[in-house]
């Protein structure tokens, strides 16, 4: 998300960072480029105009013009205004209600609403340790109820059954009664969607709101629809007491116009960003982190949080102890590291959160992908346990068998073995220089970087 916007803005602002003196002329020229970048990202025209006016007012002020580093100061103004554009004090989910706290989820058909219900249920279960129940009041879309039941089973939350012959309000009331009886913390209600906004949909949603009095009413919208996403959110907000917005399919949206427009147009905060179809693809929205990524400053905090959630500390500690005893790093260990990386979203997800990625030469970022991770794991899976423990025994005939079994070429097997050899050498150097002692301290929570990151720099 924001790929094209990030590329344009970082290129435009990069030229300012080293400028020793700002003039009204070069400020206005820069802001014209910023405005053009926002419009190309499908940001609403009035939102882009107002944003540039606010930045211009500050940029021509004494604080920026008289700064020792005026170029960097202007970049700071742009960053702060972008954060203000999307930020909100009420961006966090508010579940401070008598249990069960009710979350009503609304949206158009095809926006990913039902999948978002399951993703939210999983997030609340795993990260907030909440007891969650889900229910579908969508009696119109074929198999909508069955879809939610399947997803609920996948994420391990309670599902309240309903039938297409029932009225949505009756379903909601029955689900609420059952959630209370089972002492659930949260009840998430999936409402019916339509292909477009209509009065029937709004009337039904208002009736559900009256019956349930939800703590949160979230509007789910496809980010790839750009300005239309903001306009649709406004139409819902005019009819319903929305408390926030969930932007879905953000991994397929290179522009990001919806995220930049929604807060300004609706007055409601973005609370979550959804990616992909997997049930772990939902993240809380943090405006400051998103803006840092847009401007090429990375998002290390989110990267650390992701590492803390997904890395298997027991396996990481076991590896550190093994290496400290002088036992070699083998292909079983390498496979574990690949799986840890994939649990964090893969190379692409990790790299986009690192500072400076926007500074890579054109086309270089495209070379960073997860295909090599998948290929490497397939090669290792095609080996015998003995070969994984003792990579040195893998010679000609073994290489041919492994390549055939993994659907790769012998050159791919050779490249993987070379990577492991490099890592083994690095581990030996770390052991001699005391680096493994520091790793052990990190394992025991005495500071240092998150454990379990892939050892060494992976070159593909």
Protein backbone atom coordinates (compact mmCIF):
# COMPACT_ATOMS: atom_id res chain seq x y z
CA UNK A 1 0.00 0.00 0.00
CA UNK A 2 1.10 3.60 -0.72
CA UNK A 3 3.85 2.37 -3.06
CA UNK A 4 3.28 4.98 -5.78
CA UNK A 5 2.61 7.78 -3.29
CA UNK A 6 5.70 6.87 -1.29
CA UNK A 7 7.87 6.86 -4.38
CA UNK A 8 6.65 10.29 -5.51
CA UNK A 9 6.80 11.97 -2.10
CA UNK A 10 10.19 10.60 -1.10
CA UNK A 11 11.65 11.67 -4.46
CA UNK A 12 10.15 15.16 -4.12
CA UNK A 13 11.17 15.68 -0.50
CA UNK A 14 14.60 14.08 -0.88
CA UNK A 15 15.66 17.06 -2.96
CA UNK A 16 14.73 19.38 -0.10
CA UNK A 17 16.63 17.70 2.71
CA UNK A 18 19.97 19.20 1.74
CA UNK A 19 18.67 22.63 0.77
CA UNK A 20 20.39 25.32 2.84
CA UNK A 21 17.90 28.06 2.04
CA UNK A 22 14.19 27.87 1.27
CA UNK A 23 12.43 30.44 -0.84
CA UNK A 24 8.76 30.92 -1.54
CA UNK A 25 9.46 29.78 -5.09
CA UNK A 26 11.07 26.42 -4.27
CA UNK A 27 8.50 25.78 -1.51
CA UNK A 28 5.60 26.31 -3.91
CA UNK A 29 7.29 24.15 -6.54
CA UNK A 30 7.70 21.35 -4.01
CA UNK A 31 4.10 21.65 -2.83
CA UNK A 32 2.82 21.49 -6.40
CA UNK A 33 4.59 18.14 -6.71
CA UNK A 34 3.14 17.02 -3.37
CA UNK A 35 -0.36 17.98 -4.52
CA UNK A 36 0.13 16.14 -7.82
CA UNK A 37 1.34 13.05 -5.93
CA UNK A 38 -1.74 13.11 -3.68
CA UNK A 39 -4.14 13.45 -6.62
CA UNK A 40 -2.42 10.61 -8.48
CA UNK A 41 -2.90 8.51 -5.34
CA UNK A 42 -6.66 9.16 -5.76
CA UNK A 43 -6.91 11.42 -2.72
CA UNK A 44 -10.08 13.54 -2.84
CA UNK A 45 -9.44 16.90 -4.52
CA UNK A 46 -10.62 19.01 -1.59
CA UNK A 47 -8.56 16.93 0.86
CA UNK A 48 -5.40 17.38 -1.24
CA UNK A 49 -6.06 21.12 -1.61
CA UNK A 50 -6.62 21.71 2.10
CA UNK A 51 -3.58 19.63 3.01
CA UNK A 52 -1.26 21.61 0.72
CA UNK A 53 -2.66 24.91 2.05
CA UNK A 54 -1.93 23.90 5.64
CA UNK A 55 1.61 22.82 4.78
CA UNK A 56 2.19 26.01 2.77
CA UNK A 57 1.10 28.22 5.68
CA UNK A 58 3.56 26.53 8.01
CA UNK A 59 6.35 26.26 5.43
CA UNK A 60 6.39 30.02 4.89
CA UNK A 61 6.45 30.66 8.63
CA UNK A 62 9.43 31.87 10.64
CA UNK A 63 10.14 28.47 12.26
CA UNK A 64 10.84 26.77 8.93
CA UNK A 65 12.41 29.63 6.98
CA UNK A 66 14.87 30.54 9.76
CA UNK A 67 15.71 26.97 10.73
CA UNK A 68 19.33 25.79 10.53
CA UNK A 69 18.06 22.90 8.36
CA UNK A 70 15.05 24.41 6.55
CA UNK A 71 14.74 21.52 4.09
CA UNK A 72 14.49 18.94 6.85
CA UNK A 73 12.13 21.20 8.77
CA UNK A 74 9.75 21.31 5.80
CA UNK A 75 9.86 17.51 5.56
CA UNK A 76 8.89 17.43 9.26
CA UNK A 77 5.93 19.74 8.54
CA UNK A 78 4.73 17.46 5.72
CA UNK A 79 5.07 14.43 8.01
CA UNK A 80 3.17 16.06 10.89
CA UNK A 81 0.36 17.19 8.60
CA UNK A 82 0.02 13.72 7.07
CA UNK A 83 -0.23 12.26 10.57
CA UNK A 84 -2.83 14.88 11.53
CA UNK A 85 -4.78 14.11 8.34
CA UNK A 86 -5.27 10.45 9.30
CA UNK A 87 -4.84 10.51 13.06
CA UNK A 88 -7.48 10.34 15.75
CA UNK A 89 -7.56 9.89 19.50
CA UNK A 90 -10.35 7.32 19.13
CA UNK A 91 -8.52 5.07 16.65
CA UNK A 92 -8.31 2.19 19.13
CA UNK A 93 -11.17 -0.28 19.47
CA UNK A 94 -13.33 0.67 22.45
CA UNK A 95 -14.70 -2.39 24.22
CA UNK A 96 -15.36 -0.71 27.56
CA UNK A 97 -18.92 -1.92 27.91
CA UNK A 98 -20.86 -4.40 30.03
CA UNK A 99 -19.96 -7.81 28.52
CA UNK A 100 -20.54 -8.81 25.90
CA UNK A 101 -19.24 -5.69 24.13
CA UNK A 102 -20.94 -5.68 20.73
CA UNK A 103 -19.14 -4.88 17.48
CA UNK A 104 -21.48 -4.33 14.53
CA UNK A 105 -19.79 -4.74 11.14
CA UNK A 106 -21.36 -3.14 8.05
CA UNK A 107 -20.28 -2.66 4.45
CA UNK A 108 -21.00 -3.29 0.80
CA UNK A 109 -21.02 -6.75 -0.72
CA UNK A 110 -17.57 -7.82 -1.89
CA UNK A 111 -15.68 -5.53 0.48
CA UNK A 112 -14.36 -8.44 2.57
CA UNK A 113 -16.79 -7.87 5.43
CA UNK A 114 -17.30 -11.48 6.54
CA UNK A 115 -13.60 -12.28 6.32
CA UNK A 116 -12.90 -9.14 8.37
CA UNK A 117 -15.27 -10.40 11.08
CA UNK A 118 -13.19 -13.58 11.37
CA UNK A 119 -9.91 -11.64 11.29
CA UNK A 120 -11.11 -9.32 14.06
CA UNK A 121 -12.32 -12.27 16.12
CA UNK A 122 -8.89 -13.90 15.81
CA UNK A 123 -7.07 -10.68 16.71
CA UNK A 124 -9.19 -10.14 19.83
CA UNK A 125 -8.77 -13.78 20.86
CA UNK A 126 -5.02 -14.00 20.37
CA UNK A 127 -3.84 -10.52 21.35
CA UNK A 128 -6.50 -9.35 23.80
CA UNK A 129 -7.35 -12.77 25.26
CA UNK A 130 -11.06 -12.12 24.76
CA UNK A 131 -13.78 -14.77 24.59
CA UNK A 132 -15.43 -13.98 21.25
CA UNK A 133 -18.65 -15.09 19.59
CA UNK A 134 -19.62 -14.27 15.99
CA UNK A 135 -23.02 -14.30 14.31
CA UNK A 136 -24.22 -13.67 10.77
CA UNK A 137 -27.34 -11.57 10.14
CA UNK A 138 -26.80 -11.76 6.38
CA UNK A 139 -29.86 -13.70 5.24
CA UNK A 140 -29.58 -12.59 1.61
CA UNK A 141 -26.19 -13.64 0.25
CA UNK A 142 -26.06 -17.37 -0.53
CA UNK A 143 -23.84 -19.31 1.88
CA UNK A 144 -22.95 -16.19 3.89
CA UNK A 145 -23.87 -17.90 7.15
CA UNK A 146 -21.95 -21.06 6.25
CA UNK A 147 -18.92 -18.97 5.28
CA UNK A 148 -18.80 -17.31 8.68
CA UNK A 149 -19.30 -20.67 10.43
CA UNK A 150 -16.31 -22.11 8.55
CA UNK A 151 -14.15 -19.10 9.35
CA UNK A 152 -15.18 -19.16 13.01
CA UNK A 153 -14.05 -22.77 13.23
CA UNK A 154 -10.72 -21.86 11.62
CA UNK A 155 -9.96 -19.09 14.11
CA UNK A 156 -11.33 -21.00 17.10
CA UNK A 157 -14.17 -18.72 18.24
CA UNK A 158 -17.78 -19.43 19.14
CA UNK A 159 -20.34 -19.29 16.33
CA UNK A 160 -24.03 -18.62 16.85
CA UNK A 161 -26.08 -20.43 14.16
CA UNK A 162 -28.75 -18.64 12.15
CA UNK A 163 -31.06 -19.41 9.24
CA UNK A 164 -31.98 -17.43 6.08
CA UNK A 165 -35.66 -17.76 7.06
CA UNK A 166 -35.11 -15.72 10.25
CA UNK A 167 -35.33 -11.95 10.61
CA UNK A 168 -31.95 -10.22 11.18
CA UNK A 169 -33.25 -8.51 14.34
CA UNK A 170 -34.43 -11.84 15.78
CA UNK A 171 -31.05 -13.41 15.02
CA UNK A 172 -29.25 -10.54 16.75
CA UNK A 173 -31.41 -10.71 19.87
CA UNK A 174 -30.97 -14.48 20.17
CA UNK A 175 -27.21 -14.22 19.67
CA UNK A 176 -26.96 -11.53 22.33
CA UNK A 177 -28.87 -13.71 24.79
CA UNK A 178 -26.60 -16.69 24.10
CA UNK A 179 -23.45 -14.55 24.39
CA UNK A 180 -24.62 -13.34 27.80
CA UNK A 181 -25.45 -16.87 28.92
CA UNK A 182 -21.99 -18.10 27.90
CA UNK A 183 -20.33 -15.04 29.45
CA UNK A 184 -18.65 -13.94 26.25
CA UNK A 185 -16.47 -10.81 26.28
CA UNK A 186 -17.27 -9.74 22.72
CA UNK A 187 -20.07 -10.43 20.22
CA UNK A 188 -19.25 -9.53 16.60
CA UNK A 189 -22.29 -9.17 14.35
CA UNK A 190 -21.91 -9.55 10.57
CA UNK A 191 -24.62 -7.60 8.74
CA UNK A 192 -25.94 -7.98 5.20
CA UNK A 193 -24.19 -6.21 2.35
CA UNK A 194 -25.55 -4.87 -0.91
CA UNK A 195 -23.99 -4.10 -4.26
CA UNK A 196 -24.68 -0.43 -3.56
CA UNK A 197 -25.96 1.79 -0.77
CA UNK A 198 -29.76 1.62 -0.51
CA UNK A 199 -32.40 2.61 2.02
CA UNK A 200 -33.39 -0.99 2.76
CA UNK A 201 -29.88 -1.80 3.87
CA UNK A 202 -29.65 1.30 6.05
CA UNK A 203 -33.04 0.64 7.64
CA UNK A 204 -32.02 -2.89 8.55
CA UNK A 205 -28.70 -1.75 9.96
CA UNK A 206 -30.41 0.96 12.03
CA UNK A 207 -32.82 -1.64 13.43
CA UNK A 208 -29.90 -3.82 14.48
CA UNK A 209 -28.25 -0.80 16.09
CA UNK A 210 -31.38 -0.03 18.08
CA UNK A 211 -31.62 -3.61 19.36
CA UNK A 212 -27.94 -4.16 20.14
CA UNK A 213 -26.59 -0.70 21.11
CA UNK A 214 -23.12 -1.67 19.86
CA UNK A 215 -19.94 -0.40 21.50
CA UNK A 216 -18.40 -0.22 18.03
CA UNK A 217 -19.99 0.10 14.59
CA UNK A 218 -17.32 -0.54 11.98
CA UNK A 219 -17.67 0.14 8.27
CA UNK A 220 -15.64 -2.22 6.08
CA UNK A 221 -14.59 -0.80 2.71
CA UNK A 222 -12.34 -1.90 -0.15
CA UNK A 223 -9.34 0.45 -0.22
CA UNK A 224 -8.84 -0.18 -3.94
CA UNK A 225 -11.93 1.90 -4.72
CA UNK A 226 -10.00 5.04 -3.74
CA UNK A 227 -12.14 8.18 -3.44
CA UNK A 228 -15.27 6.08 -3.79
CA UNK A 229 -14.31 4.32 -0.55
CA UNK A 230 -14.36 7.63 1.30
CA UNK A 231 -17.64 8.70 -0.31
CA UNK A 232 -19.31 5.35 0.50
CA UNK A 233 -18.07 5.60 4.08
CA UNK A 234 -19.61 9.07 4.32
CA UNK A 235 -22.98 7.76 3.06
CA UNK A 236 -22.93 5.07 5.78
CA UNK A 237 -21.80 7.56 8.38
CA UNK A 238 -24.70 9.86 7.54
CA UNK A 239 -27.15 7.00 8.16
CA UNK A 240 -25.45 5.07 10.97
CA UNK A 241 -23.53 6.00 14.11
CA UNK A 242 -20.21 4.70 12.78
CA UNK A 243 -17.29 4.62 15.19
CA UNK A 244 -14.60 3.65 12.72
CA UNK A 245 -13.53 2.25 9.36
CA UNK A 246 -11.70 -0.93 8.33
CA UNK A 247 -9.80 -0.67 5.05
CA UNK A 248 -9.50 -4.04 3.32
CA UNK A 249 -7.36 -5.31 0.42
CA UNK A 250 -4.67 -2.77 1.24
CA UNK A 251 -2.00 -5.12 -0.11
CA UNK A 252 -3.50 -4.67 -3.57
CA UNK A 253 -3.78 -0.88 -3.31
CA UNK A 254 -0.62 0.88 -4.47
CA UNK A 255 -2.16 4.35 -4.20
CA UNK A 256 -3.58 4.72 -0.68
CA UNK A 257 -6.00 7.54 -1.50
CA UNK A 258 -8.77 6.04 0.61
CA UNK A 259 -6.65 6.03 3.77
CA UNK A 260 -5.73 9.69 3.28
CA UNK A 261 -9.28 10.82 2.50
CA UNK A 262 -11.56 8.88 4.85
CA UNK A 263 -10.73 10.65 8.12
CA UNK A 264 -11.14 14.10 6.54
CA UNK A 265 -14.38 13.30 4.69
CA UNK A 266 -16.19 11.23 7.32
CA UNK A 267 -14.65 12.49 10.54
CA UNK A 268 -14.30 8.83 11.57
CA UNK A 269 -10.97 7.12 12.25
CA UNK A 270 -9.48 4.21 10.37
CA UNK A 271 -9.16 1.47 13.00
CA UNK A 272 -7.76 -1.46 11.05
CA UNK A 273 -6.01 -2.33 7.79
CA UNK A 274 -6.82 -5.68 6.21
CA UNK A 275 -4.58 -7.65 3.84
CA UNK A 276 -5.15 -10.88 1.93
CA UNK A 277 -7.58 -13.69 2.64
CA UNK A 278 -5.75 -15.30 5.56
CA UNK A 279 -7.31 -14.75 8.97
CA UNK A 280 -4.14 -13.20 10.42
CA UNK A 281 -4.24 -10.36 7.88
CA UNK A 282 -5.60 -7.57 10.08
CA UNK A 283 -3.53 -4.89 11.81
CA UNK A 284 -4.48 -1.91 14.01
CA UNK A 285 -4.05 1.36 12.16
CA UNK A 286 -1.33 3.70 13.47
CA UNK A 287 -1.20 6.95 11.49
CA UNK A 288 2.32 7.88 12.57
CA UNK A 289 3.70 4.50 11.51
CA UNK A 290 1.90 4.58 8.17
CA UNK A 291 3.22 8.07 7.44
CA UNK A 292 6.77 7.00 8.31
CA UNK A 293 6.46 4.21 5.76
CA UNK A 294 5.03 6.58 3.15
CA UNK A 295 8.01 8.91 3.58
CA UNK A 296 10.55 6.06 3.47
CA UNK A 297 11.36 6.25 7.19
CA UNK A 298 10.35 2.66 7.87
CA UNK A 299 8.20 1.22 10.64
CA UNK A 300 10.59 -0.54 12.99
CA UNK A 301 8.16 -0.47 15.91
CA UNK A 302 5.59 -2.55 14.01
CA UNK A 303 8.38 -4.88 12.89
CA UNK A 304 9.46 -5.46 16.50
CA UNK A 305 5.86 -6.06 17.61
CA UNK A 306 5.41 -8.57 14.79
CA UNK A 307 8.61 -10.34 15.79
CA UNK A 308 7.54 -10.54 19.43
CA UNK A 309 4.19 -12.04 18.44
CA UNK A 310 5.35 -14.58 15.89
CA UNK A 311 8.85 -15.70 16.82
CA UNK A 312 9.10 -18.99 18.68
CA UNK A 313 11.37 -17.99 21.58
CA UNK A 314 11.83 -21.60 22.69
CA UNK A 315 13.22 -22.59 19.30
CA UNK A 316 15.39 -19.48 19.17
CA UNK A 317 16.83 -20.22 22.61
CA UNK A 318 17.39 -23.86 21.68
CA UNK A 319 19.33 -22.76 18.58
CA UNK A 320 21.46 -20.33 20.61
CA UNK A 321 22.32 -23.02 23.16
CA UNK A 322 23.16 -25.49 20.40
CA UNK A 323 25.53 -23.05 18.73
CA UNK A 324 27.13 -22.10 22.03
CA UNK A 325 28.00 -25.76 22.63
CA UNK A 326 29.87 -25.73 19.32
CA UNK A 327 27.32 -27.73 17.35
CA UNK A 328 27.01 -26.56 13.75
CA UNK A 329 24.21 -24.61 12.13
CA UNK A 330 22.47 -27.06 9.79
CA UNK A 331 19.64 -27.13 7.27
CA UNK A 332 17.05 -28.00 9.93
CA UNK A 333 17.97 -24.72 11.66
CA UNK A 334 17.88 -22.85 8.35
CA UNK A 335 14.38 -24.20 7.63
CA UNK A 336 13.21 -23.03 11.06
CA UNK A 337 14.53 -19.54 10.29
CA UNK A 338 12.72 -19.49 6.94
CA UNK A 339 9.48 -20.44 8.67
CA UNK A 340 9.98 -17.72 11.29
CA UNK A 341 10.43 -15.18 8.50
CA UNK A 342 7.30 -16.39 6.71
CA UNK A 343 5.33 -16.17 9.96
CA UNK A 344 6.29 -12.49 10.07
CA UNK A 345 4.72 -11.96 6.67
CA UNK A 346 7.70 -12.88 4.55
CA UNK A 347 10.63 -10.87 3.21
CA UNK A 348 8.41 -8.30 1.50
CA UNK A 349 6.55 -7.47 4.71
CA UNK A 350 9.76 -7.19 6.71
CA UNK A 351 11.66 -5.14 4.15
CA UNK A 352 8.90 -2.57 3.64
CA UNK A 353 9.07 -1.75 7.36
CA UNK A 354 12.81 -1.05 7.26
CA UNK A 355 14.02 2.55 6.89
CA UNK A 356 15.55 3.53 3.56
CA UNK A 357 13.71 1.05 1.35
CA UNK A 358 12.47 3.93 -0.80
CA UNK A 359 16.11 4.83 -1.50
CA UNK A 360 16.78 1.55 -3.31
CA UNK A 361 17.58 1.89 -7.02
CA UNK A 362 14.68 1.48 -9.43
CA UNK A 363 13.81 -2.18 -9.80
CA UNK A 364 15.88 -3.31 -6.83
CA UNK A 365 12.86 -3.55 -4.53
CA UNK A 366 11.14 -5.78 -7.09
CA UNK A 367 13.93 -8.33 -6.62
CA UNK A 368 12.95 -8.72 -2.94
CA UNK A 369 10.19 -11.29 -2.81
CA UNK A 370 9.19 -14.44 -1.01
CA UNK A 371 9.57 -16.87 -3.90
CA UNK A 372 13.12 -17.73 -2.84
CA UNK A 373 11.95 -18.50 0.69
CA UNK A 374 9.35 -20.92 -0.68
CA UNK A 375 11.90 -22.47 -3.04
CA UNK A 376 14.52 -22.87 -0.30
CA UNK A 377 12.04 -24.59 2.02
CA UNK A 378 10.95 -26.93 -0.80
CA UNK A 379 14.59 -27.91 -1.41
CA UNK A 380 15.21 -28.60 2.28
CA UNK A 381 11.98 -30.62 2.52
CA UNK A 382 13.25 -32.85 -0.30
CA UNK A 383 16.30 -33.85 1.72
CA UNK A 384 16.62 -36.76 4.12
CA UNK A 385 17.01 -36.01 7.86
CA UNK A 386 20.67 -37.03 7.58
CA UNK A 387 21.28 -34.61 4.70
CA UNK A 388 19.66 -31.77 6.64
CA UNK A 389 21.91 -32.45 9.63
CA UNK A 390 25.06 -32.98 7.52
CA UNK A 391 24.90 -30.73 4.42
CA UNK A 392 28.50 -31.61 3.54
CA UNK A 393 27.44 -35.10 2.34
CA UNK A 394 25.22 -33.65 -0.38
CA UNK A 395 27.13 -34.33 -3.60
CA UNK A 396 26.27 -34.98 -7.25
CA UNK A 397 23.64 -37.74 -7.20
CA UNK A 398 22.05 -36.41 -4.02
CA UNK A 399 21.81 -32.94 -5.55
CA UNK A 400 20.08 -34.33 -8.64
CA UNK A 401 17.56 -36.23 -6.50
CA UNK A 402 16.85 -33.19 -4.28
CA UNK A 403 16.42 -30.89 -7.29
CA UNK A 404 14.02 -33.33 -8.95
CA UNK A 405 12.04 -33.81 -5.72
CA UNK A 406 11.66 -30.06 -5.14
CA UNK A 407 10.99 -29.10 -8.74
CA UNK A 408 14.11 -26.93 -8.89
CA UNK A 409 17.46 -26.90 -10.68
CA UNK A 410 20.79 -28.18 -9.38
CA UNK A 411 22.00 -24.55 -9.43
CA UNK A 412 19.26 -23.71 -6.90
CA UNK A 413 20.44 -26.51 -4.61
CA UNK A 414 24.04 -25.29 -4.93
CA UNK A 415 23.02 -21.73 -4.09
CA UNK A 416 21.17 -22.87 -0.97
CA UNK A 417 24.13 -24.97 0.21
CA UNK A 418 26.42 -21.98 -0.32
CA UNK A 419 24.16 -19.80 1.82
CA UNK A 420 24.22 -22.35 4.62
CA UNK A 421 28.01 -22.62 4.41
CA UNK A 422 28.26 -18.82 4.74
CA UNK A 423 25.96 -18.89 7.75
CA UNK A 424 27.99 -21.67 9.38
CA UNK A 425 31.16 -19.59 9.01
CA UNK A 426 29.41 -16.56 10.45
CA UNK A 427 28.18 -18.58 13.44
CA UNK A 428 31.72 -19.75 14.17
CA UNK A 429 32.98 -16.17 14.11
CA UNK A 430 30.16 -15.10 16.43
CA UNK A 431 31.09 -17.87 18.86
CA UNK A 432 34.75 -16.81 18.93
CA UNK A 433 33.88 -13.12 19.45
CA UNK A 434 31.30 -13.71 22.17
CA UNK A 435 28.30 -12.86 20.01
CA UNK A 436 26.48 -15.99 21.12
CA UNK A 437 26.65 -14.86 24.73
CA UNK A 438 24.80 -11.71 23.73
CA UNK A 439 22.27 -13.84 21.87
CA UNK A 440 21.71 -15.91 25.01
CA UNK A 441 21.13 -12.71 27.00
CA UNK A 442 18.52 -11.66 24.46
CA UNK A 443 16.83 -15.05 24.83
CA UNK A 444 16.55 -14.53 28.59
CA UNK A 445 15.01 -11.08 28.21
CA UNK A 446 18.10 -9.08 29.23
CA UNK A 447 17.84 -6.72 26.30
CA UNK A 448 19.00 -6.81 22.73
CA UNK A 449 17.11 -7.38 19.48
CA UNK A 450 14.15 -9.75 19.25
CA UNK A 451 15.34 -13.37 19.12
CA UNK A 452 14.86 -15.74 16.24
CA UNK A 453 15.49 -13.41 13.31
CA UNK A 454 17.15 -15.29 10.44
CA UNK A 455 20.90 -15.44 11.24
CA UNK A 456 23.07 -13.59 8.81
CA UNK A 457 22.08 -11.62 5.81
CA UNK A 458 20.11 -13.72 3.37
CA UNK A 459 21.27 -13.23 -0.20
CA UNK A 460 19.12 -14.46 -3.03
